[in-house]
Amino acid sequence: MVGLSVYNDNNESIGSINDMLTDKDGKIKAVVIGVGGFLGVGEHLVAIPYEKVKFVSEPVAYTGASANRPASSTTTGASNTSTAPSTSTAPSTATASKPNPWYPDHAVFNATKDELKAMPEFKYST
């Protein structure tokens, strides 16, 4: 799950999962999300309670103009499942692959990048 993209309810990419924290019994208690930065440099880490993060298995087609899509998106890109599929009649050259049965396509946490950056930074204890 490390590296899994995290989006908000508006289908905006807000970061990616850096770690999952467990208790002594092995139950996941928090998800550490990396926000901002480039290749880990300048990244702000935030620990979010596990129950507040939703995992979505199936990718949803983006709606609207291409300018609203993340730079690396394709028709298999990740977004919130509540978005209606595109009604465009233009043929698509990319083929959608079926979802991976072993892990979700993306995670959803309802916050903006700015709200996450304003949260206290998570630091690993030594």
C-alpha atoms as a PDB file:
ATOM      1  CA  MET A   1       0.000   0.000   0.000  1.00  0.00           C
ATOM      2  CA  VAL A   2       3.028   2.275   0.320  1.00  0.00           C
ATOM      3  CA  GLY A   3       3.004   4.610  -2.660  1.00  0.00           C
ATOM      4  CA  LEU A   4      -0.775   4.372  -3.153  1.00  0.00           C
ATOM      5  CA  SER A   5      -2.199   7.693  -4.371  1.00  0.00           C
ATOM      6  CA  VAL A   6      -4.553   9.580  -2.059  1.00  0.00           C
ATOM      7  CA  TYR A   7      -7.327  11.810  -3.429  1.00  0.00           C
ATOM      8  CA  ASN A   8      -9.944  13.994  -1.776  1.00  0.00           C
ATOM      9  CA  ASP A   9     -13.692  13.972  -2.458  1.00  0.00           C
ATOM     10  CA  ASN A  10     -13.142  16.468  -5.317  1.00  0.00           C
ATOM     11  CA  ASN A  11     -10.842  14.028  -7.160  1.00  0.00           C
ATOM     12  CA  GLU A  12      -7.788  16.190  -6.402  1.00  0.00           C
ATOM     13  CA  SER A  13      -4.541  14.348  -5.725  1.00  0.00           C
ATOM     14  CA  ILE A  14      -3.452  15.251  -2.190  1.00  0.00           C
ATOM     15  CA  GLY A  15      -0.490  12.939  -1.703  1.00  0.00           C
ATOM     16  CA  SER A  16       0.455   9.297  -1.310  1.00  0.00           C
ATOM     17  CA  ILE A  17       0.684   6.722   1.453  1.00  0.00           C
ATOM     18  CA  ASN A  18       4.160   6.572   2.996  1.00  0.00           C
ATOM     19  CA  ASP A  19       3.485   4.143   5.823  1.00  0.00           C
ATOM     20  CA  MET A  20       0.823   2.362   7.858  1.00  0.00           C
ATOM     21  CA  LEU A  21       1.220   2.308  11.635  1.00  0.00           C
ATOM     22  CA  THR A  22       0.082  -0.681  13.692  1.00  0.00           C
ATOM     23  CA  ASP A  23      -0.473  -1.371  17.365  1.00  0.00           C
ATOM     24  CA  LYS A  24       1.162  -4.266  19.247  1.00  0.00           C
ATOM     25  CA  ASP A  25      -1.566  -6.633  18.005  1.00  0.00           C
ATOM     26  CA  GLY A  26      -0.870  -5.809  14.348  1.00  0.00           C
ATOM     27  CA  LYS A  27      -4.056  -3.767  13.808  1.00  0.00           C
ATOM     28  CA  ILE A  28      -3.584  -0.754  11.550  1.00  0.00           C
ATOM     29  CA  LYS A  29      -4.182   2.411  13.577  1.00  0.00           C
ATOM     30  CA  ALA A  30      -2.961   5.213  11.285  1.00  0.00           C
ATOM     31  CA  VAL A  31      -2.011   5.947   7.696  1.00  0.00           C
ATOM     32  CA  VAL A  32       0.968   8.250   7.117  1.00  0.00           C
ATOM     33  CA  ILE A  33       0.355  10.436   4.071  1.00  0.00           C
ATOM     34  CA  GLY A  34       3.125  12.391   2.367  1.00  0.00           C
ATOM     35  CA  VAL A  35       1.966  15.778   1.087  1.00  0.00           C
ATOM     36  CA  GLY A  36       3.860  18.095  -1.248  1.00  0.00           C
ATOM     37  CA  GLY A  37       7.533  17.911  -1.992  1.00  0.00           C
ATOM     38  CA  PHE A  38       9.222  16.291  -4.956  1.00  0.00           C
ATOM     39  CA  LEU A  39      10.597  12.744  -4.769  1.00  0.00           C
ATOM     40  CA  GLY A  40      10.354  12.890  -0.981  1.00  0.00           C
ATOM     41  CA  VAL A  41      12.272  16.173  -0.623  1.00  0.00           C
ATOM     42  CA  GLY A  42      10.274  18.820   1.237  1.00  0.00           C
ATOM     43  CA  GLU A  43       7.455  16.359   1.871  1.00  0.00           C
ATOM     44  CA  HIS A  44       5.145  16.973   4.867  1.00  0.00           C
ATOM     45  CA  LEU A  45       4.120  13.740   6.621  1.00  0.00           C
ATOM     46  CA  VAL A  46       0.720  13.578   8.328  1.00  0.00           C
ATOM     47  CA  ALA A  47      -0.690  10.645  10.351  1.00  0.00           C
ATOM     48  CA  ILE A  48      -4.419  10.109   9.700  1.00  0.00           C
ATOM     49  CA  PRO A  49      -6.556   7.663  11.725  1.00  0.00           C
ATOM     50  CA  TYR A  50      -7.066   4.524   9.631  1.00  0.00           C
ATOM     51  CA  GLU A  51     -10.867   4.627   9.907  1.00  0.00           C
ATOM     52  CA  LYS A  52     -10.944   8.087   8.254  1.00  0.00           C
ATOM     53  CA  VAL A  53      -9.283   6.833   5.061  1.00  0.00           C
ATOM     54  CA  LYS A  54     -11.425   5.064   2.475  1.00  0.00           C
ATOM     55  CA  PHE A  55      -9.865   2.603   0.043  1.00  0.00           C
ATOM     56  CA  VAL A  56     -11.355   2.353  -3.446  1.00  0.00           C
ATOM     57  CA  SER A  57     -10.717  -0.634  -5.707  1.00  0.00           C
ATOM     58  CA  GLU A  58     -12.010   0.515  -9.063  1.00  0.00           C
ATOM     59  CA  PRO A  59     -10.652   3.452 -11.064  1.00  0.00           C
ATOM     60  CA  VAL A  60     -13.198   5.934 -12.391  1.00  0.00           C
ATOM     61  CA  ALA A  61     -12.920   7.877 -15.647  1.00  0.00           C
ATOM     62  CA  TYR A  62     -12.290  11.579 -15.256  1.00  0.00           C
ATOM     63  CA  THR A  63     -14.918  14.032 -16.409  1.00  0.00           C
ATOM     64  CA  GLY A  64     -14.294  17.433 -17.915  1.00  0.00           C
ATOM     65  CA  ALA A  65     -11.356  18.850 -19.834  1.00  0.00           C
ATOM     66  CA  SER A  66      -7.940  17.219 -19.946  1.00  0.00           C
ATOM     67  CA  ALA A  67      -6.443  20.228 -18.160  1.00  0.00           C
ATOM     68  CA  ASN A  68      -8.182  19.113 -14.942  1.00  0.00           C
ATOM     69  CA  ARG A  69      -6.469  15.720 -14.934  1.00  0.00           C
ATOM     70  CA  PRO A  70      -3.267  14.964 -13.059  1.00  0.00           C
ATOM     71  CA  ALA A  71      -0.214  15.025 -15.325  1.00  0.00           C
ATOM     72  CA  SER A  72       0.260  11.246 -15.249  1.00  0.00           C
ATOM     73  CA  SER A  73      -3.379  10.251 -15.634  1.00  0.00           C
ATOM     74  CA  THR A  74      -4.860   7.980 -18.244  1.00  0.00           C
ATOM     75  CA  THR A  75      -8.291   6.451 -18.537  1.00  0.00           C
ATOM     76  CA  THR A  76      -7.184   4.094 -15.761  1.00  0.00           C
ATOM     77  CA  GLY A  77      -6.279   6.984 -13.430  1.00  0.00           C
ATOM     78  CA  ALA A  78      -7.620   7.135  -9.901  1.00  0.00           C
ATOM     79  CA  SER A  79     -10.470   9.297  -8.739  1.00  0.00           C
ATOM     80  CA  ASN A  80     -13.426   9.262  -6.390  1.00  0.00           C
ATOM     81  CA  THR A  81     -16.084   6.670  -7.170  1.00  0.00           C
ATOM     82  CA  SER A  82     -18.929   9.183  -6.816  1.00  0.00           C
ATOM     83  CA  THR A  83     -17.984  10.921 -10.074  1.00  0.00           C
ATOM     84  CA  ALA A  84     -20.141  10.101 -13.074  1.00  0.00           C
ATOM     85  CA  PRO A  85     -18.334   8.650 -16.090  1.00  0.00           C
ATOM     86  CA  SER A  86     -17.506  10.940 -18.973  1.00  0.00           C
ATOM     87  CA  THR A  87     -20.196  11.335 -21.611  1.00  0.00           C
ATOM     88  CA  SER A  88     -17.740  12.239 -24.344  1.00  0.00           C
ATOM     89  CA  THR A  89     -18.261  10.370 -27.603  1.00  0.00           C
ATOM     90  CA  ALA A  90     -14.649  10.762 -28.745  1.00  0.00           C
ATOM     91  CA  PRO A  91     -12.928   7.396 -29.191  1.00  0.00           C
ATOM     92  CA  SER A  92     -10.308   6.536 -26.620  1.00  0.00           C
ATOM     93  CA  THR A  93      -6.980   5.071 -27.682  1.00  0.00           C
ATOM     94  CA  ALA A  94      -6.090   3.851 -24.178  1.00  0.00           C
ATOM     95  CA  THR A  95      -7.576   0.620 -22.965  1.00  0.00           C
ATOM     96  CA  ALA A  96      -8.735   0.265 -19.381  1.00  0.00           C
ATOM     97  CA  SER A  97      -7.209  -2.613 -17.493  1.00  0.00           C
ATOM     98  CA  LYS A  98      -9.151  -4.484 -14.880  1.00  0.00           C
ATOM     99  CA  PRO A  99      -8.446  -3.545 -11.243  1.00  0.00           C
ATOM    100  CA  ASN A 100      -5.723  -5.406  -9.391  1.00  0.00           C
ATOM    101  CA  PRO A 101      -7.414  -7.946  -7.090  1.00  0.00           C
ATOM    102  CA  TRP A 102      -4.654  -7.715  -4.477  1.00  0.00           C
ATOM    103  CA  TYR A 103      -4.807  -4.054  -3.439  1.00  0.00           C
ATOM    104  CA  PRO A 104      -6.972  -0.963  -3.960  1.00  0.00           C
ATOM    105  CA  ASP A 105      -6.549   1.476  -6.828  1.00  0.00           C
ATOM    106  CA  HIS A 106      -6.371   4.541  -4.565  1.00  0.00           C
ATOM    107  CA  ALA A 107      -7.345   5.976  -1.186  1.00  0.00           C
ATOM    108  CA  VAL A 108      -9.717   8.845  -0.387  1.00  0.00           C
ATOM    109  CA  PHE A 109      -9.388  11.311   2.499  1.00  0.00           C
ATOM    110  CA  ASN A 110     -11.519  14.440   2.451  1.00  0.00           C
ATOM    111  CA  ALA A 111      -9.054  17.312   2.889  1.00  0.00           C
ATOM    112  CA  THR A 112      -7.163  19.721   0.664  1.00  0.00           C
ATOM    113  CA  LYS A 113      -3.378  19.772   0.334  1.00  0.00           C
ATOM    114  CA  ASP A 114      -3.320  23.035   2.280  1.00  0.00           C
ATOM    115  CA  GLU A 115      -5.376  21.522   5.121  1.00  0.00           C
ATOM    116  CA  LEU A 116      -3.013  18.546   5.313  1.00  0.00           C
ATOM    117  CA  LYS A 117       0.060  20.780   5.275  1.00  0.00           C
ATOM    118  CA  ALA A 118      -1.463  22.765   8.164  1.00  0.00           C
ATOM    119  CA  MET A 119      -1.818  19.591  10.281  1.00  0.00           C
ATOM    120  CA  PRO A 120       0.941  18.703  12.747  1.00  0.00           C
ATOM    121  CA  GLU A 121       3.806  16.944  11.025  1.00  0.00           C
ATOM    122  CA  PHE A 122       4.295  13.264  11.853  1.00  0.00           C
ATOM    123  CA  LYS A 123       7.776  12.395  13.084  1.00  0.00           C
ATOM    124  CA  TYR A 124       9.120   8.893  13.670  1.00  0.00           C
ATOM    125  CA  SER A 125      10.503   8.417  17.200  1.00  0.00           C
ATOM    126  CA  THR A 126      13.962   6.917  17.521  1.00  0.00           C
END
